[in-house]
C-alpha cells in the first residue's frame, strides 16, 4: 500500500535535486508545529447524596506537519509527481495480470487505493455486465448499479503504485534525475543545466529499460506468458 510518510530515500532524492540546481541539502522535509487546541470537558463528582457537575476548558497540543520551507515543498511535490508518472507507465515490478477482485457479502467490489490503472484481463467474456472503475468501487454501466452477486469475481490487469522506498534503485535514480530536470526548468534559468540533466535522465531511462527487459524475459516470438521458447536443436534431426 502506498503511504504518505517521508522516508530516508525521499530525503536523499530531495537533496540530490537540490544539489543539481545548486542548493544546500536539508536534514528533513517536514517540521512539526505544535498548535494548542481547546477541548471542552465535563466532570462529575459525588458529595454525599448530591452530584456536582464541573465544566471547563483545557488546551491540548495538536501536532501538524508542514514543509520546512516553500522551496522544499515544491521540490518534494515534483519528486512525488514524477514518481507517479513513472509508475503509471507500468513496469514488470508494479504490474500484475489476472488479479482477482471479488465482491463482498454486500455485493460491492472494492478497488485497492493504490491502483493506478486497471483493465479486464484478456479471455474474459462478460455479456451481462459492463464494469468500470468509479471512485473506490466497480460500477456496472449495463445494469446501472454498484451491486454484484456475492463472491462475484472479475480478473484485472493492474498497475500498482508502490511506496517510493520499495522501488528498484535504478528507477529511483531515474525518477530523481527526471525530477531534477523538471525542477531546474521551473526554478533555475539555465538552459545548459536543463540540457545536461536531460542527458543524464536519458541515460538513466536506458538503464531502466535494461532492467525491465532482463526481469520481464520478453520475446519477439509471442509465446504465451509463463512459457519458454526453445529454439531448434540439431540433435532432433539425428534422433529421427
Protein backbone atom coordinates (compact mmCIF):
# COMPACT_ATOMS: atom_id res chain seq x y z
CA UNK A 1 0.00 0.00 0.00
CA UNK A 2 1.21 3.46 -0.86
CA UNK A 3 1.78 5.72 2.17
CA UNK A 4 2.43 9.45 2.61
CA UNK A 5 5.20 9.14 5.20
CA UNK A 6 8.57 10.62 4.37
CA UNK A 7 11.41 8.10 4.11
CA UNK A 8 15.17 8.49 4.20
CA UNK A 9 15.24 7.65 0.49
CA UNK A 10 12.94 10.58 -0.25
CA UNK A 11 15.18 12.92 1.73
CA UNK A 12 18.20 11.64 -0.20
CA UNK A 13 16.41 12.22 -3.51
CA UNK A 14 15.32 15.71 -2.48
CA UNK A 15 18.92 16.54 -1.57
CA UNK A 16 20.10 15.20 -4.94
CA UNK A 17 17.63 17.52 -6.67
CA UNK A 18 18.81 20.43 -4.51
CA UNK A 19 22.43 19.67 -5.42
CA UNK A 20 21.53 19.52 -9.12
CA UNK A 21 20.10 23.05 -9.02
CA UNK A 22 22.89 24.39 -6.80
CA UNK A 23 21.07 24.50 -3.45
CA UNK A 24 22.17 23.37 0.01
CA UNK A 25 20.95 20.00 1.36
CA UNK A 26 18.41 19.61 4.17
CA UNK A 27 18.19 17.19 7.08
CA UNK A 28 14.41 16.85 6.98
CA UNK A 29 11.48 17.62 4.71
CA UNK A 30 8.79 18.29 7.30
CA UNK A 31 8.75 20.20 10.56
CA UNK A 32 6.29 19.59 13.36
CA UNK A 33 4.19 22.53 14.51
CA UNK A 34 2.54 22.37 17.91
CA UNK A 35 -0.68 24.37 17.94
CA UNK A 36 -2.91 24.44 21.04
CA UNK A 37 -6.38 23.01 20.64
CA UNK A 38 -9.05 23.91 23.21
CA UNK A 39 -11.13 20.99 24.46
CA UNK A 40 -14.31 21.33 26.49
CA UNK A 41 -14.78 18.84 29.30
CA UNK A 42 -17.42 17.88 31.84
CA UNK A 43 -16.54 16.35 35.21
CA UNK A 44 -18.94 14.97 37.78
CA UNK A 45 -18.27 14.26 41.47
CA UNK A 46 -20.44 12.69 44.16
CA UNK A 47 -20.67 14.51 47.50
CA UNK A 48 -22.89 12.59 49.91
CA UNK A 49 -26.28 12.34 48.24
CA UNK A 50 -25.55 15.17 45.79
CA UNK A 51 -23.87 15.09 42.37
CA UNK A 52 -21.94 18.23 41.40
CA UNK A 53 -21.07 18.94 37.76
CA UNK A 54 -17.96 20.93 36.78
CA UNK A 55 -17.41 22.29 33.27
CA UNK A 56 -14.26 23.85 31.86
CA UNK A 57 -11.71 24.04 29.07
CA UNK A 58 -8.21 22.65 28.62
CA UNK A 59 -5.56 23.26 25.96
CA UNK A 60 -4.39 20.15 24.15
CA UNK A 61 -1.29 20.37 21.87
CA UNK A 62 -2.11 19.20 18.38
CA UNK A 63 0.69 18.12 16.03
CA UNK A 64 0.58 19.27 12.43
CA UNK A 65 3.17 18.64 9.72
CA UNK A 66 4.39 21.35 7.37
CA UNK A 67 7.33 21.66 5.00
CA UNK A 68 10.49 23.29 6.30
CA UNK A 69 10.23 25.93 3.55
CA UNK A 70 8.31 26.57 0.30
CA UNK A 71 11.26 25.50 -1.88
CA UNK A 72 11.38 22.05 -0.27
CA UNK A 73 7.60 21.80 -0.63
CA UNK A 74 7.88 22.43 -4.38
CA UNK A 75 10.78 20.02 -4.88
CA UNK A 76 9.14 17.21 -2.89
CA UNK A 77 5.91 17.77 -4.81
CA UNK A 78 7.78 17.49 -8.12
CA UNK A 79 9.51 14.30 -6.92
CA UNK A 80 6.19 12.68 -6.00
CA UNK A 81 4.56 13.79 -9.27
CA UNK A 82 7.38 12.25 -11.31
CA UNK A 83 7.21 9.13 -9.14
CA UNK A 84 3.51 8.73 -10.01
CA UNK A 85 4.13 9.44 -13.71
CA UNK A 86 6.89 6.82 -13.97
CA UNK A 87 4.94 4.16 -12.09
CA UNK A 88 1.86 4.87 -14.22
CA UNK A 89 3.76 3.65 -17.29
CA UNK A 90 3.55 0.11 -15.94
CA UNK A 91 6.70 -1.92 -15.34
CA UNK A 92 7.44 -5.53 -14.55
CA UNK A 93 7.71 -4.76 -10.82
CA UNK A 94 4.38 -2.92 -10.43
CA UNK A 95 2.02 -4.80 -12.76
CA UNK A 96 0.03 -7.96 -12.17
CA UNK A 97 -2.00 -10.00 -14.60
CA UNK A 98 -5.37 -11.61 -13.83
CA UNK A 99 -5.59 -10.11 -10.35
CA UNK A 100 -8.93 -11.16 -8.77
CA UNK A 101 -11.38 -8.55 -7.50
CA UNK A 102 -14.14 -10.30 -5.58
CA UNK A 103 -17.45 -8.91 -4.38
CA UNK A 104 -18.09 -8.96 -0.65
CA UNK A 105 -21.19 -10.13 1.15
CA UNK A 106 -22.85 -6.80 0.33
CA UNK A 107 -22.16 -7.27 -3.40
CA UNK A 108 -19.70 -4.36 -3.56
CA UNK A 109 -16.35 -4.86 -5.33
CA UNK A 110 -13.81 -2.61 -3.64
CA UNK A 111 -10.76 -1.34 -5.53
CA UNK A 112 -7.47 -1.05 -3.61
CA UNK A 113 -6.40 2.56 -3.01
CA UNK A 114 -3.01 2.18 -4.72
CA UNK A 115 -4.36 1.12 -8.13
CA UNK A 116 -3.10 3.40 -10.89
CA UNK A 117 -4.55 1.62 -13.92
CA UNK A 118 -6.68 -1.45 -14.43
CA UNK A 119 -8.11 -3.33 -17.37
CA UNK A 120 -10.14 -6.50 -17.76
CA UNK A 121 -7.77 -9.40 -18.43
CA UNK A 122 -7.82 -10.98 -21.87
CA UNK A 123 -10.02 -14.05 -22.31
CA UNK A 124 -12.93 -12.92 -20.12
CA UNK A 125 -16.25 -12.75 -21.93
CA UNK A 126 -18.74 -10.68 -19.93
CA UNK A 127 -22.04 -10.22 -21.77
CA UNK A 128 -24.37 -9.40 -18.87
CA UNK A 129 -22.23 -6.69 -17.20
CA UNK A 130 -20.08 -3.69 -18.10
CA UNK A 131 -17.84 -2.98 -15.07
CA UNK A 132 -15.88 0.29 -14.83
CA UNK A 133 -13.97 1.99 -12.02
CA UNK A 134 -15.85 4.71 -10.15
CA UNK A 135 -14.13 6.02 -7.06
CA UNK A 136 -13.05 3.09 -4.91
CA UNK A 137 -15.65 0.68 -6.32
CA UNK A 138 -16.64 -1.07 -9.53
CA UNK A 139 -19.79 0.17 -11.26
CA UNK A 140 -21.91 -1.86 -13.68
CA UNK A 141 -22.79 0.50 -16.54
CA UNK A 142 -25.07 -2.03 -18.21
CA UNK A 143 -27.28 -2.65 -15.17
CA UNK A 144 -26.69 0.80 -13.60
CA UNK A 145 -25.65 -0.47 -10.18
CA UNK A 146 -22.72 -0.90 -7.83
CA UNK A 147 -24.10 -4.24 -6.64
CA UNK A 148 -22.74 -7.51 -7.97
CA UNK A 149 -23.55 -11.02 -6.84
CA UNK A 150 -21.89 -12.09 -3.60
CA UNK A 151 -18.46 -13.66 -4.29
CA UNK A 152 -18.67 -12.50 -7.93
CA UNK A 153 -15.10 -12.36 -9.26
CA UNK A 154 -13.50 -10.34 -12.03
CA UNK A 155 -9.89 -10.60 -13.13
CA UNK A 156 -7.93 -7.47 -13.97
CA UNK A 157 -4.51 -6.50 -15.25
CA UNK A 158 -3.46 -3.90 -12.69
CA UNK A 159 -0.72 -1.29 -12.44
CA UNK A 160 0.05 -0.55 -8.79
CA UNK A 161 1.52 2.50 -7.11
CA UNK A 162 4.12 1.46 -4.53
CA UNK A 163 5.96 3.38 -1.84
CA UNK A 164 8.99 5.25 -3.15
CA UNK A 165 11.14 3.21 -0.74
CA UNK A 166 10.05 -0.04 -2.42
CA UNK A 167 11.07 0.91 -5.96
CA UNK A 168 14.16 -0.68 -7.57
CA UNK A 169 17.20 1.55 -7.10
CA UNK A 170 17.64 2.10 -10.84
CA UNK A 171 14.14 3.58 -11.03
CA UNK A 172 14.68 5.81 -8.01
CA UNK A 173 17.74 7.17 -9.77
CA UNK A 174 15.75 7.79 -12.94
CA UNK A 175 12.91 9.49 -11.05
CA UNK A 176 15.37 11.72 -9.19
CA UNK A 177 17.10 12.85 -12.40
CA UNK A 178 13.78 13.39 -14.18
CA UNK A 179 12.51 15.44 -11.23
CA UNK A 180 15.81 17.38 -11.21
CA UNK A 181 15.26 18.39 -14.83
CA UNK A 182 11.71 19.49 -14.09
CA UNK A 183 12.84 21.43 -11.01
CA UNK A 184 15.63 23.13 -12.97
CA UNK A 185 13.14 24.16 -15.65
CA UNK A 186 10.77 25.70 -13.10
CA UNK A 187 13.25 27.17 -10.61
CA UNK A 188 16.51 27.94 -12.45
CA UNK A 189 17.02 29.95 -15.63
CA UNK A 190 19.87 27.88 -17.04
CA UNK A 191 19.25 26.12 -20.38
CA UNK A 192 22.67 24.40 -20.27
CA UNK A 193 21.88 22.85 -16.89
CA UNK A 194 18.50 21.63 -18.12
CA UNK A 195 20.12 20.06 -21.20
CA UNK A 196 22.75 18.32 -19.07
CA UNK A 197 20.10 16.92 -16.72
CA UNK A 198 18.04 15.71 -19.70
CA UNK A 199 21.09 13.82 -20.99
CA UNK A 200 21.55 12.15 -17.60
CA UNK A 201 17.82 11.39 -17.49
CA UNK A 202 18.01 9.65 -20.90
CA UNK A 203 20.92 7.51 -19.69
CA UNK A 204 19.02 6.60 -16.52
CA UNK A 205 15.94 5.62 -18.53
CA UNK A 206 18.09 3.36 -20.70
CA UNK A 207 19.22 1.60 -17.52
CA UNK A 208 15.57 1.21 -16.52
CA UNK A 209 14.72 -0.33 -19.89
CA UNK A 210 17.61 -2.77 -19.49
CA UNK A 211 16.29 -3.73 -16.05
CA UNK A 212 12.79 -4.13 -17.50
CA UNK A 213 13.93 -6.39 -20.34
CA UNK A 214 16.08 -8.56 -18.07
CA UNK A 215 13.34 -9.01 -15.47
CA UNK A 216 10.45 -9.35 -17.91
CA UNK A 217 12.04 -12.05 -20.13
CA UNK A 218 10.17 -10.66 -23.15
CA UNK A 219 10.35 -12.36 -26.54
CA UNK A 220 9.54 -11.48 -30.16
CA UNK A 221 8.05 -14.93 -30.74
CA UNK A 222 4.78 -14.17 -28.97
CA UNK A 223 4.84 -17.24 -26.76
CA UNK A 224 2.17 -17.31 -24.04
CA UNK A 225 3.08 -15.94 -20.62
CA UNK A 226 4.81 -18.27 -18.17
CA UNK A 227 6.12 -20.39 -21.04
CA UNK A 228 9.56 -20.58 -22.65
CA UNK A 229 10.58 -20.74 -26.30
CA UNK A 230 13.04 -23.48 -27.18
CA UNK A 231 14.93 -22.97 -30.41
CA UNK A 232 15.64 -25.70 -32.95
CA UNK A 233 18.11 -28.31 -31.70
CA UNK A 234 20.18 -30.18 -34.42
CA UNK A 235 20.16 -33.46 -32.46
CA UNK A 236 16.41 -33.74 -33.09
CA UNK A 237 17.15 -34.48 -36.77
CA UNK A 238 19.57 -37.24 -35.83
CA UNK A 239 17.08 -38.71 -33.36
CA UNK A 240 14.51 -39.44 -36.08
